[in-house]
């Protein structure tokens, strides 16, 4: 019998595999909902910052929304004071709402008001995964819920992985529906090797031992791959490379 953490990881990877076969965003939402809902995720959406320099407007581009909260959020102009939006613009790291005080310290009164009002709509916890693109645009995947599970490290890791793939797959489907396919980045053979081992969860040191490279050289290869793929973390690079068909599906 699988341990709970292994079961969560297996379900996450099964979801990702199933999701890569769908042809539309509604199908994509249905596939992800089967895994996300038992984890307490009621809302999962992709958002785009319409004006990253001024934080003027957050546009929901796809996903399952909370209609009442979205209407209230827009009517109140909360995007200008939302601490989650500010972190989305400043950081490439995922953020659980419950970790916000540790990252930012005490919230300003207007920031605290946004979070308190979200809770009044039944959105007690959330995960924001920022996606900074090569064209300078900023988007993110938001997962929110009344009882979103965020205590166990393995659950957190699974939600982060699912959010990256959900955002990347939805973006790919939207590009396809708009009549264009994303261009494939030209990665070197060494960059692909490093990404394949990173996909297996290997550290830079271990990858270096396998490929007879220094950990620093591995980091440089992965950083270069991130730049070419238009992402900021190795996990995002692995996800994007897989979606573009740049990595083999078998274990190295």
Protein backbone atom coordinates (compact mmCIF):
# COMPACT_ATOMS: atom_id res chain seq x y z
CA UNK A 1 0.00 0.00 0.00
CA UNK A 2 1.27 3.47 -0.88
CA UNK A 3 1.99 5.88 1.93
CA UNK A 4 -0.21 9.01 1.88
CA UNK A 5 2.56 11.25 0.56
CA UNK A 6 3.32 8.78 -2.24
CA UNK A 7 -0.39 8.56 -3.07
CA UNK A 8 -0.59 12.35 -3.39
CA UNK A 9 2.45 12.41 -5.66
CA UNK A 10 1.06 9.57 -7.78
CA UNK A 11 -2.29 11.34 -8.16
CA UNK A 12 -0.52 14.54 -9.17
CA UNK A 13 1.51 12.83 -11.88
CA UNK A 14 -1.52 10.85 -13.09
CA UNK A 15 -3.42 14.13 -13.38
CA UNK A 16 -0.60 15.71 -15.37
CA UNK A 17 -0.42 12.72 -17.72
CA UNK A 18 -4.20 12.74 -18.27
CA UNK A 19 -4.25 16.51 -18.76
CA UNK A 20 -1.76 16.38 -21.61
CA UNK A 21 -4.32 14.45 -23.67
CA UNK A 22 -7.14 17.02 -23.50
CA UNK A 23 -8.13 19.34 -26.33
CA UNK A 24 -9.91 22.19 -24.53
CA UNK A 25 -9.69 24.26 -21.36
CA UNK A 26 -13.05 22.96 -20.00
CA UNK A 27 -11.67 19.42 -20.35
CA UNK A 28 -8.49 20.55 -18.63
CA UNK A 29 -10.47 22.01 -15.72
CA UNK A 30 -12.42 18.78 -15.31
CA UNK A 31 -9.25 16.68 -15.15
CA UNK A 32 -7.61 18.91 -12.55
CA UNK A 33 -10.79 19.25 -10.49
CA UNK A 34 -10.80 15.51 -9.74
CA UNK A 35 -7.49 15.88 -7.90
CA UNK A 36 -7.79 19.42 -6.56
CA UNK A 37 -11.26 19.24 -5.00
CA UNK A 38 -10.34 16.47 -2.50
CA UNK A 39 -7.43 18.71 -1.43
CA UNK A 40 -9.85 21.51 -0.59
CA UNK A 41 -9.29 23.60 -3.73
CA UNK A 42 -12.60 25.22 -4.68
CA UNK A 43 -11.24 27.87 -7.05
CA UNK A 44 -8.37 27.51 -9.51
CA UNK A 45 -7.78 30.20 -12.10
CA UNK A 46 -5.17 31.72 -14.32
CA UNK A 47 -4.79 35.48 -14.02
CA UNK A 48 -2.90 38.09 -16.00
CA UNK A 49 -1.66 41.45 -14.77
CA UNK A 50 -2.89 43.89 -17.39
CA UNK A 51 -0.37 46.58 -16.40
CA UNK A 52 2.54 45.09 -14.38
CA UNK A 53 4.14 48.50 -13.78
CA UNK A 54 1.05 50.03 -12.21
CA UNK A 55 -0.78 46.95 -10.88
CA UNK A 56 -3.98 48.37 -12.36
CA UNK A 57 -6.03 45.31 -13.15
CA UNK A 58 -6.02 41.56 -12.62
CA UNK A 59 -7.73 39.74 -15.47
CA UNK A 60 -8.98 36.17 -15.03
CA UNK A 61 -8.04 34.41 -18.26
CA UNK A 62 -9.21 30.85 -17.56
CA UNK A 63 -10.30 28.53 -14.80
CA UNK A 64 -13.01 27.94 -12.21
CA UNK A 65 -13.79 31.20 -10.50
CA UNK A 66 -15.69 32.32 -7.41
CA UNK A 67 -18.13 34.65 -9.17
CA UNK A 68 -19.23 36.57 -6.07
CA UNK A 69 -15.68 37.16 -4.83
CA UNK A 70 -14.46 38.14 -8.29
CA UNK A 71 -17.26 40.70 -8.68
CA UNK A 72 -16.59 42.13 -5.21
CA UNK A 73 -12.82 42.20 -5.79
CA UNK A 74 -13.19 44.13 -9.03
CA UNK A 75 -15.82 46.51 -7.64
CA UNK A 76 -13.57 47.40 -4.69
CA UNK A 77 -10.47 47.84 -6.87
CA UNK A 78 -8.58 45.41 -4.65
CA UNK A 79 -5.88 44.69 -7.24
CA UNK A 80 -4.16 47.95 -6.29
CA UNK A 81 -3.76 46.85 -2.65
CA UNK A 82 -3.77 43.05 -2.81
CA UNK A 83 -0.59 41.72 -1.13
CA UNK A 84 -0.79 38.54 -3.22
CA UNK A 85 -0.67 40.60 -6.42
CA UNK A 86 2.30 42.53 -5.09
CA UNK A 87 4.15 39.30 -4.36
CA UNK A 88 3.19 38.01 -7.80
CA UNK A 89 5.02 40.95 -9.36
CA UNK A 90 8.03 40.88 -7.05
CA UNK A 91 8.82 37.18 -6.77
CA UNK A 92 9.13 34.04 -8.86
CA UNK A 93 8.48 31.81 -5.84
CA UNK A 94 5.10 30.23 -5.01
CA UNK A 95 3.29 31.60 -1.98
CA UNK A 96 0.70 30.08 0.32
CA UNK A 97 -1.45 32.76 1.91
CA UNK A 98 -0.69 31.46 5.39
CA UNK A 99 3.01 32.13 4.73
CA UNK A 100 2.43 35.76 3.79
CA UNK A 101 3.22 37.25 7.25
CA UNK A 102 6.51 35.34 7.39
CA UNK A 103 7.52 36.67 3.98
CA UNK A 104 6.19 40.22 4.25
CA UNK A 105 5.90 40.87 7.98
CA UNK A 106 2.84 42.67 9.28
CA UNK A 107 0.41 43.58 6.53
CA UNK A 108 -0.66 47.15 5.93
CA UNK A 109 -4.28 47.88 6.92
CA UNK A 110 -5.48 47.97 3.31
CA UNK A 111 -3.68 44.68 2.55
CA UNK A 112 -5.13 43.02 5.65
CA UNK A 113 -8.59 44.19 4.58
CA UNK A 114 -8.29 42.34 1.24
CA UNK A 115 -7.31 39.09 2.97
CA UNK A 116 -10.05 39.43 5.59
CA UNK A 117 -12.70 40.03 2.95
CA UNK A 118 -11.49 36.98 1.01
CA UNK A 119 -12.04 34.89 4.15
CA UNK A 120 -15.55 36.31 4.47
CA UNK A 121 -16.25 34.76 1.05
CA UNK A 122 -15.03 31.36 2.26
CA UNK A 123 -11.52 31.64 0.81
CA UNK A 124 -9.43 30.90 3.89
CA UNK A 125 -6.26 29.66 2.23
CA UNK A 126 -4.70 29.90 -1.19
CA UNK A 127 -1.63 29.25 -3.29
CA UNK A 128 -0.23 31.74 -5.79
CA UNK A 129 2.29 30.49 -8.36
CA UNK A 130 3.73 33.37 -10.41
CA UNK A 131 4.73 32.96 -14.04
CA UNK A 132 7.02 35.66 -15.46
CA UNK A 133 7.23 35.48 -19.24
CA UNK A 134 9.95 36.50 -21.69
CA UNK A 135 7.75 39.23 -23.18
CA UNK A 136 7.67 40.99 -19.80
CA UNK A 137 4.11 39.97 -18.96
CA UNK A 138 3.24 38.51 -15.58
CA UNK A 139 0.62 35.87 -14.93
CA UNK A 140 -0.12 33.44 -12.14
CA UNK A 141 -2.17 30.43 -11.18
CA UNK A 142 -4.29 30.91 -8.06
CA UNK A 143 -5.72 28.01 -6.09
CA UNK A 144 -8.08 28.90 -3.24
CA UNK A 145 -10.55 27.26 -0.92
CA UNK A 146 -12.27 27.19 2.44
CA UNK A 147 -10.40 24.06 3.56
CA UNK A 148 -7.40 24.00 1.23
CA UNK A 149 -4.85 21.56 2.66
CA UNK A 150 -1.52 23.33 3.13
CA UNK A 151 0.00 21.75 6.24
CA UNK A 152 1.79 18.69 4.83
CA UNK A 153 4.97 19.38 2.82
CA UNK A 154 4.07 16.70 0.26
CA UNK A 155 0.65 18.23 -0.32
CA UNK A 156 2.24 21.64 -0.77
CA UNK A 157 4.71 20.23 -3.29
CA UNK A 158 1.93 18.47 -5.21
CA UNK A 159 -0.20 21.63 -5.36
CA UNK A 160 2.78 23.65 -6.58
CA UNK A 161 3.53 21.11 -9.30
CA UNK A 162 -0.12 20.95 -10.36
CA UNK A 163 -0.37 24.73 -10.50
CA UNK A 164 2.65 24.98 -12.81
CA UNK A 165 1.29 22.37 -15.20
CA UNK A 166 -2.24 23.76 -15.09
CA UNK A 167 -0.97 27.21 -16.05
CA UNK A 168 1.36 25.92 -18.75
CA UNK A 169 -1.19 23.57 -20.31
CA UNK A 170 -3.93 26.19 -20.30
CA UNK A 171 -1.58 28.72 -21.90
CA UNK A 172 -0.66 26.17 -24.58
CA UNK A 173 -4.33 25.37 -25.29
CA UNK A 174 -5.18 29.07 -25.57
CA UNK A 175 -2.32 29.60 -28.03
CA UNK A 176 -3.49 26.61 -30.07
CA UNK A 177 -7.08 27.86 -30.12
CA UNK A 178 -5.83 31.28 -31.22
CA UNK A 179 -4.23 29.64 -34.23
CA UNK A 180 -0.63 29.42 -33.12
CA UNK A 181 1.64 26.90 -31.44
CA UNK A 182 4.34 27.93 -28.97
CA UNK A 183 7.77 27.96 -30.56
CA UNK A 184 10.22 25.37 -29.36
CA UNK A 185 13.27 26.73 -27.62
CA UNK A 186 16.61 25.43 -28.88
CA UNK A 187 18.25 23.74 -25.91
CA UNK A 188 21.68 22.18 -26.03
CA UNK A 189 22.10 18.46 -25.47
CA UNK A 190 23.72 19.16 -22.09
CA UNK A 191 20.87 21.44 -21.00
CA UNK A 192 18.38 18.72 -21.90
CA UNK A 193 20.38 16.14 -19.93
CA UNK A 194 20.39 18.39 -16.87
CA UNK A 195 16.64 19.00 -17.18
CA UNK A 196 15.93 15.29 -17.51
CA UNK A 197 17.74 14.59 -14.25
CA UNK A 198 16.17 17.63 -12.56
CA UNK A 199 12.81 16.12 -13.52
CA UNK A 200 13.77 13.12 -11.38
CA UNK A 201 14.32 15.41 -8.39
CA UNK A 202 18.13 15.25 -8.47
CA UNK A 203 20.12 18.12 -6.95
CA UNK A 204 22.75 20.01 -8.93
CA UNK A 205 25.46 18.14 -7.02
CA UNK A 206 24.00 14.72 -7.87
CA UNK A 207 23.42 15.69 -11.50
CA UNK A 208 27.04 16.82 -11.66
CA UNK A 209 28.22 13.48 -10.31
CA UNK A 210 26.16 11.63 -12.92
CA UNK A 211 27.31 13.80 -15.83
CA UNK A 212 30.89 14.39 -14.58
CA UNK A 213 30.26 18.12 -14.18
CA UNK A 214 30.62 20.51 -11.28
CA UNK A 215 27.45 21.57 -9.47
CA UNK A 216 28.15 25.13 -10.60
CA UNK A 217 28.25 24.05 -14.25
CA UNK A 218 24.96 22.20 -13.81
CA UNK A 219 23.44 25.36 -12.32
CA UNK A 220 24.68 27.34 -15.32
CA UNK A 221 23.14 24.86 -17.77
CA UNK A 222 19.82 24.95 -15.93
CA UNK A 223 19.86 28.76 -15.69
CA UNK A 224 20.48 28.98 -19.44
CA UNK A 225 17.62 26.56 -20.10
CA UNK A 226 15.35 28.69 -17.92
CA UNK A 227 16.21 31.80 -19.93
CA UNK A 228 15.56 30.06 -23.24
CA UNK A 229 12.25 28.66 -22.00
CA UNK A 230 11.15 31.99 -20.53
CA UNK A 231 10.80 30.74 -16.95
CA UNK A 232 12.55 31.37 -13.65
CA UNK A 233 12.79 28.08 -11.75
CA UNK A 234 14.04 24.63 -12.67
CA UNK A 235 10.64 23.09 -11.91
CA UNK A 236 9.00 25.52 -14.33
CA UNK A 237 11.71 24.73 -16.89
CA UNK A 238 11.07 21.00 -16.60
CA UNK A 239 7.33 21.53 -16.99
CA UNK A 240 7.76 23.80 -20.02
CA UNK A 241 10.29 21.49 -21.67
CA UNK A 242 7.97 18.51 -21.25
CA UNK A 243 5.04 20.43 -22.69
CA UNK A 244 7.13 21.43 -25.70
CA UNK A 245 8.25 17.84 -26.27
CA UNK A 246 11.89 18.61 -25.53
CA UNK A 247 12.37 15.85 -22.96
CA UNK A 248 11.98 12.15 -23.43
CA UNK A 249 9.16 10.56 -21.47
CA UNK A 250 11.32 7.73 -20.16
CA UNK A 251 13.52 7.91 -17.08
CA UNK A 252 17.13 8.87 -17.91
